[in-house]
Protein backbone atom coordinates (compact mmCIF):
# COMPACT_ATOMS: atom_id res chain seq x y z
CA MET A 1 8.06 -89.61 -58.93
CA ILE A 2 7.62 -89.19 -55.20
CA PRO A 3 4.63 -88.61 -52.93
CA LEU A 4 3.65 -84.98 -52.35
CA ALA A 5 3.90 -85.58 -48.58
CA LEU A 6 7.70 -85.90 -48.90
CA ILE A 7 8.23 -82.51 -50.56
CA GLU A 8 9.76 -79.78 -48.41
CA SER A 9 8.26 -76.36 -47.75
CA GLY A 10 8.98 -73.85 -50.52
CA GLU A 11 9.32 -76.38 -53.33
CA LYS A 12 7.27 -76.32 -56.52
CA VAL A 13 6.16 -79.58 -58.08
CA GLU A 14 4.15 -80.89 -61.00
CA ILE A 15 1.32 -83.32 -60.26
CA ILE A 16 2.01 -86.52 -62.24
CA ASP A 17 -0.36 -89.27 -61.07
CA PHE A 18 -2.43 -90.65 -58.20
CA VAL A 19 -1.75 -93.91 -56.34
CA LYS A 20 -5.40 -94.85 -55.91
CA LYS A 21 -7.52 -93.73 -58.79
CA GLY A 22 -10.88 -94.05 -57.06
CA LYS A 23 -13.54 -91.87 -58.63
CA SER A 24 -14.43 -90.03 -55.41
CA LEU A 25 -10.77 -89.20 -54.61
CA PHE A 26 -10.09 -88.09 -58.17
CA ASN A 27 -13.21 -85.90 -58.26
CA HIS A 28 -12.41 -84.30 -54.90
CA LEU A 29 -8.84 -83.48 -55.93
CA ARG A 30 -9.98 -82.11 -59.29
CA ASP A 31 -12.55 -79.91 -57.52
CA ILE A 32 -9.83 -78.30 -55.40
CA GLY A 33 -7.54 -77.79 -58.40
CA ILE A 34 -5.24 -80.81 -58.11
CA PHE A 35 -4.95 -82.74 -61.37
CA ALA A 36 -2.23 -84.21 -63.59
CA GLY A 37 -0.04 -81.52 -65.11
CA LYS A 38 -0.87 -78.88 -62.49
CA ILE A 39 2.01 -76.98 -60.86
CA VAL A 40 1.64 -76.45 -57.10
CA GLU A 41 3.86 -74.96 -54.39
CA VAL A 42 4.22 -76.56 -50.98
CA VAL A 43 3.87 -73.57 -48.66
CA SER A 44 4.22 -75.57 -45.45
CA ASN A 45 5.15 -79.16 -44.69
CA GLN A 46 6.06 -79.66 -41.04
CA GLY A 47 6.66 -83.41 -41.39
CA HIS A 48 3.42 -84.18 -39.54
CA GLY A 49 -0.17 -83.04 -39.90
CA PRO A 50 -1.62 -81.39 -43.01
CA LEU A 51 0.32 -79.76 -45.85
CA LEU A 52 -0.47 -76.23 -46.97
CA LEU A 53 -0.37 -75.84 -50.77
CA ARG A 54 -0.56 -72.85 -53.08
CA ILE A 55 -2.62 -73.67 -56.15
CA ASP A 56 -2.88 -70.67 -58.46
CA GLU A 57 -3.86 -67.87 -56.05
CA ALA A 58 -5.50 -70.12 -53.44
CA ARG A 59 -4.01 -71.81 -50.39
CA ILE A 60 -5.37 -75.26 -49.64
CA ALA A 61 -4.63 -77.64 -46.78
CA ILE A 62 -4.67 -81.37 -47.45
CA GLY A 63 -4.12 -84.25 -45.08
CA ARG A 64 -0.88 -86.19 -45.05
CA GLY A 65 -2.66 -89.44 -46.02
CA MET A 66 -4.09 -87.84 -49.14
CA ALA A 67 -0.71 -86.22 -49.92
CA MET A 68 0.88 -89.69 -49.89
CA LYS A 69 -1.45 -90.70 -52.74
CA ILE A 70 -0.45 -87.79 -54.99
CA MET A 71 2.68 -88.49 -57.02
CA VAL A 72 4.72 -85.47 -58.12
CA ARG A 73 7.87 -84.41 -59.95
CA ARG A 74 10.14 -81.69 -58.54
CA LEU A 75 10.65 -78.64 -60.75
CA GLN A 76 14.10 -77.13 -61.22
C-alpha cells in the first residue's frame, strides 16, 4: 500500500485504507465517492498542489495532504 499522493498521472488504483480514521475525514471522503474498495483514476498529479481524480464519471480535486492519508493499491 502507498499513499494516493505518490501515484502518477494516468494510473488506476483501488482505495484500501485511510491513515487517520477520524469520523469527519471518513464522512467527507465517503461523500465525494472515496471509500475502501473504490477504483479511481489519477487524472493529474503534478508532484505539488492538488490531485485531480476521476471517480466514476466525476472529476474531483483533493489536496495533497488529504491524498497522503489515503492508502491505495496499484491496479495492473
